[in-house]
Amino acid sequence: MGLPRTFVGFSSTVRHMYELMGAWKENTRLDFNFADCQLSMALDSENEDYIKRRCRERIEMAGTFMLLIGRDTRSKHKYVRWEI
């Protein structure tokens, strides 16, 4: 059986931490792995309903939700708080 799919919620100010998780996953000397369920690329849209619909599809596919918390996470009402 494979790893549970994981959706990682994060503010754009901590994107580097999400990317670091990917580097840890690729490092064979670390025992860190997850099945990433993120969108494969950023959505080129300003339409909030469309963006939330696409994110909801990915969140529903995931068995695990992980939240990366940064200094501004609690003020991110539009998407991050909605994902939570």
N, C-alpha and C. Protein backbone atom coordinates (compact mmCIF):
# COMPACT_ATOMS: atom_id res chain seq x y z
N MET A 1 0.84 -1.18 0.00
CA MET A 1 0.00 0.00 0.00
C MET A 1 0.88 1.24 0.00
N GLY A 2 0.51 2.26 -0.79
CA GLY A 2 1.29 3.47 -0.90
C GLY A 2 1.08 4.42 0.26
N LEU A 3 1.80 5.48 0.22
CA LEU A 3 1.67 6.52 1.25
C LEU A 3 0.33 7.23 1.10
N PRO A 4 -0.23 7.70 2.22
CA PRO A 4 -1.45 8.52 2.09
C PRO A 4 -1.11 9.82 1.36
N ARG A 5 -2.02 10.25 0.51
CA ARG A 5 -1.80 11.50 -0.21
C ARG A 5 -1.91 12.66 0.78
N THR A 6 -1.02 13.62 0.63
CA THR A 6 -0.94 14.75 1.55
C THR A 6 -1.13 16.06 0.79
N PHE A 7 -2.06 16.88 1.28
CA PHE A 7 -2.23 18.24 0.79
C PHE A 7 -1.58 19.15 1.80
N VAL A 8 -0.67 20.01 1.34
CA VAL A 8 0.06 20.91 2.23
C VAL A 8 -0.47 22.33 2.03
N GLY A 9 -1.06 22.89 3.08
CA GLY A 9 -1.52 24.27 3.05
C GLY A 9 -0.41 25.18 3.54
N PHE A 10 -0.20 26.31 2.85
CA PHE A 10 0.85 27.23 3.26
C PHE A 10 0.63 28.59 2.62
N SER A 11 1.14 29.60 3.28
CA SER A 11 1.15 30.96 2.75
C SER A 11 2.31 31.08 1.77
N SER A 12 2.17 31.97 0.82
CA SER A 12 3.25 32.15 -0.15
C SER A 12 4.56 32.58 0.50
N THR A 13 4.49 33.15 1.69
CA THR A 13 5.72 33.59 2.37
C THR A 13 6.52 32.42 2.93
N VAL A 14 5.93 31.23 3.02
CA VAL A 14 6.67 30.05 3.49
C VAL A 14 6.76 28.96 2.41
N ARG A 15 6.57 29.37 1.17
CA ARG A 15 6.68 28.41 0.07
C ARG A 15 8.03 27.70 0.09
N HIS A 16 9.07 28.41 0.49
CA HIS A 16 10.40 27.81 0.55
C HIS A 16 10.42 26.59 1.49
N MET A 17 9.59 26.60 2.52
CA MET A 17 9.53 25.46 3.43
C MET A 17 8.86 24.26 2.75
N TYR A 18 7.84 24.52 1.95
CA TYR A 18 7.21 23.45 1.17
C TYR A 18 8.22 22.87 0.18
N GLU A 19 8.98 23.72 -0.47
CA GLU A 19 10.00 23.25 -1.41
C GLU A 19 11.09 22.46 -0.68
N LEU A 20 11.41 22.86 0.55
CA LEU A 20 12.39 22.12 1.35
C LEU A 20 11.87 20.71 1.67
N MET A 21 10.57 20.58 1.91
CA MET A 21 10.00 19.25 2.14
C MET A 21 10.23 18.35 0.92
N GLY A 22 10.09 18.92 -0.27
CA GLY A 22 10.36 18.16 -1.49
C GLY A 22 11.82 17.73 -1.58
N ALA A 23 12.73 18.60 -1.15
CA ALA A 23 14.16 18.26 -1.15
C ALA A 23 14.44 17.15 -0.14
N TRP A 24 13.80 17.21 1.04
CA TRP A 24 13.97 16.14 2.03
C TRP A 24 13.49 14.82 1.47
N LYS A 25 12.37 14.86 0.76
CA LYS A 25 11.81 13.65 0.17
C LYS A 25 12.79 13.02 -0.83
N GLU A 26 13.48 13.85 -1.59
CA GLU A 26 14.42 13.36 -2.61
C GLU A 26 15.75 12.91 -2.01
N ASN A 27 16.07 13.32 -0.80
CA ASN A 27 17.34 12.99 -0.16
C ASN A 27 17.29 11.55 0.36
N THR A 28 18.12 10.69 -0.19
CA THR A 28 18.10 9.27 0.20
C THR A 28 18.65 9.03 1.60
N ARG A 29 19.33 10.00 2.18
CA ARG A 29 19.87 9.85 3.53
C ARG A 29 18.85 10.22 4.62
N LEU A 30 17.70 10.75 4.21
CA LEU A 30 16.66 11.12 5.18
C LEU A 30 15.47 10.17 5.05
N ASP A 31 14.90 9.81 6.17
CA ASP A 31 13.70 8.99 6.18
C ASP A 31 12.48 9.91 6.25
N PHE A 32 12.18 10.53 5.13
CA PHE A 32 11.07 11.49 5.04
C PHE A 32 10.39 11.28 3.70
N ASN A 33 9.12 11.00 3.72
CA ASN A 33 8.42 10.75 2.47
C ASN A 33 6.95 11.11 2.63
N PHE A 34 6.34 11.55 1.56
CA PHE A 34 4.91 11.82 1.52
C PHE A 34 4.47 11.80 0.07
N ALA A 35 3.22 11.47 -0.15
CA ALA A 35 2.66 11.49 -1.51
C ALA A 35 2.00 12.85 -1.70
N ASP A 36 2.67 13.72 -2.40
CA ASP A 36 2.23 15.11 -2.57
C ASP A 36 0.95 15.18 -3.40
N CYS A 37 -0.04 15.87 -2.87
CA CYS A 37 -1.33 15.99 -3.54
C CYS A 37 -1.61 17.44 -3.96
N GLN A 38 -0.56 18.25 -4.06
CA GLN A 38 -0.72 19.65 -4.46
C GLN A 38 -1.10 19.75 -5.92
N LEU A 39 -1.58 20.90 -6.31
CA LEU A 39 -1.76 21.20 -7.73
C LEU A 39 -0.38 21.17 -8.37
N SER A 40 -0.29 20.68 -9.59
CA SER A 40 1.02 20.55 -10.22
C SER A 40 1.65 21.89 -10.60
N MET A 41 0.81 22.92 -10.76
CA MET A 41 1.33 24.26 -11.06
C MET A 41 0.34 25.30 -10.53
N ALA A 42 0.83 26.50 -10.35
CA ALA A 42 -0.03 27.59 -9.88
C ALA A 42 -1.11 27.86 -10.91
N LEU A 43 -2.30 28.17 -10.44
CA LEU A 43 -3.41 28.47 -11.34
C LEU A 43 -3.29 29.90 -11.85
N ASP A 44 -3.42 30.06 -13.14
CA ASP A 44 -3.34 31.37 -13.76
C ASP A 44 -4.75 31.96 -13.82
N SER A 45 -5.24 32.37 -12.67
CA SER A 45 -6.61 32.88 -12.60
C SER A 45 -6.75 33.82 -11.41
N GLU A 46 -7.64 34.76 -11.54
CA GLU A 46 -8.01 35.66 -10.45
C GLU A 46 -9.36 35.26 -9.87
N ASN A 47 -10.00 34.27 -10.47
CA ASN A 47 -11.34 33.84 -10.09
C ASN A 47 -11.28 32.99 -8.81
N GLU A 48 -11.71 33.59 -7.70
CA GLU A 48 -11.61 32.92 -6.39
C GLU A 48 -12.40 31.62 -6.36
N ASP A 49 -13.60 31.60 -6.93
CA ASP A 49 -14.41 30.37 -6.93
C ASP A 49 -13.72 29.25 -7.70
N TYR A 50 -13.13 29.58 -8.84
CA TYR A 50 -12.42 28.58 -9.63
C TYR A 50 -11.22 28.02 -8.86
N ILE A 51 -10.43 28.91 -8.25
CA ILE A 51 -9.25 28.48 -7.50
C ILE A 51 -9.66 27.58 -6.34
N LYS A 52 -10.69 27.97 -5.61
CA LYS A 52 -11.15 27.16 -4.48
C LYS A 52 -11.70 25.82 -4.94
N ARG A 53 -12.39 25.80 -6.06
CA ARG A 53 -12.92 24.54 -6.59
C ARG A 53 -11.78 23.57 -6.93
N ARG A 54 -10.75 24.09 -7.59
CA ARG A 54 -9.61 23.24 -7.95
C ARG A 54 -8.86 22.75 -6.71
N CYS A 55 -8.70 23.63 -5.71
CA CYS A 55 -8.05 23.22 -4.46
C CYS A 55 -8.90 22.19 -3.73
N ARG A 56 -10.20 22.40 -3.70
CA ARG A 56 -11.10 21.47 -3.02
C ARG A 56 -10.97 20.06 -3.62
N GLU A 57 -10.85 19.97 -4.93
CA GLU A 57 -10.67 18.66 -5.59
C GLU A 57 -9.43 17.96 -5.05
N ARG A 58 -8.34 18.70 -4.89
CA ARG A 58 -7.08 18.12 -4.41
C ARG A 58 -7.17 17.77 -2.93
N ILE A 59 -7.80 18.63 -2.14
CA ILE A 59 -7.95 18.37 -0.71
C ILE A 59 -8.78 17.11 -0.50
N GLU A 60 -9.84 16.95 -1.29
CA GLU A 60 -10.70 15.77 -1.15
C GLU A 60 -9.98 14.49 -1.56
N MET A 61 -8.99 14.58 -2.44
CA MET A 61 -8.19 13.42 -2.85
C MET A 61 -7.23 13.00 -1.73
N ALA A 62 -6.86 13.95 -0.88
CA ALA A 62 -5.84 13.71 0.13
C ALA A 62 -6.40 12.98 1.33
N GLY A 63 -5.56 12.16 1.94
CA GLY A 63 -5.90 11.50 3.19
C GLY A 63 -5.35 12.26 4.39
N THR A 64 -4.41 13.18 4.10
CA THR A 64 -3.76 13.95 5.16
C THR A 64 -3.68 15.41 4.74
N PHE A 65 -3.92 16.30 5.68
CA PHE A 65 -3.75 17.74 5.45
C PHE A 65 -2.65 18.22 6.38
N MET A 66 -1.65 18.88 5.83
CA MET A 66 -0.55 19.41 6.62
C MET A 66 -0.54 20.93 6.43
N LEU A 67 -0.36 21.67 7.50
CA LEU A 67 -0.31 23.12 7.43
C LEU A 67 1.06 23.61 7.86
N LEU A 68 1.71 24.37 6.99
CA LEU A 68 2.97 25.03 7.32
C LEU A 68 2.60 26.41 7.85
N ILE A 69 3.03 26.70 9.06
CA ILE A 69 2.65 27.94 9.71
C ILE A 69 3.81 28.93 9.69
N GLY A 70 3.53 30.11 9.18
CA GLY A 70 4.51 31.19 9.17
C GLY A 70 3.96 32.38 9.94
N ARG A 71 4.71 33.45 9.93
CA ARG A 71 4.32 34.65 10.68
C ARG A 71 2.99 35.23 10.23
N ASP A 72 2.64 35.08 8.96
CA ASP A 72 1.42 35.71 8.45
C ASP A 72 0.26 34.73 8.24
N THR A 73 0.40 33.48 8.66
CA THR A 73 -0.62 32.47 8.38
C THR A 73 -1.99 32.87 8.90
N ARG A 74 -2.07 33.39 10.10
CA ARG A 74 -3.38 33.70 10.66
C ARG A 74 -4.07 34.86 9.95
N SER A 75 -3.34 35.64 9.17
CA SER A 75 -3.97 36.75 8.45
C SER A 75 -4.35 36.36 7.02
N LYS A 76 -4.09 35.14 6.61
CA LYS A 76 -4.39 34.70 5.25
C LYS A 76 -5.82 34.14 5.19
N HIS A 77 -6.79 35.02 5.11
CA HIS A 77 -8.20 34.64 5.16
C HIS A 77 -8.71 34.06 3.85
N LYS A 78 -8.23 34.57 2.74
CA LYS A 78 -8.81 34.22 1.45
C LYS A 78 -8.63 32.76 1.07
N TYR A 79 -7.45 32.21 1.25
CA TYR A 79 -7.21 30.82 0.84
C TYR A 79 -6.73 29.92 1.97
N VAL A 80 -5.69 30.30 2.68
CA VAL A 80 -5.12 29.40 3.69
C VAL A 80 -6.14 29.07 4.78
N ARG A 81 -6.77 30.09 5.34
CA ARG A 81 -7.77 29.83 6.38
C ARG A 81 -8.94 29.02 5.80
N TRP A 82 -9.32 29.28 4.57
CA TRP A 82 -10.37 28.52 3.90
C TRP A 82 -9.96 27.05 3.77
N GLU A 83 -8.72 26.78 3.39
CA GLU A 83 -8.25 25.39 3.26
C GLU A 83 -8.33 24.66 4.59
N ILE A 84 -7.98 25.35 5.66
CA ILE A 84 -8.00 24.73 6.98
C ILE A 84 -9.42 24.37 7.34
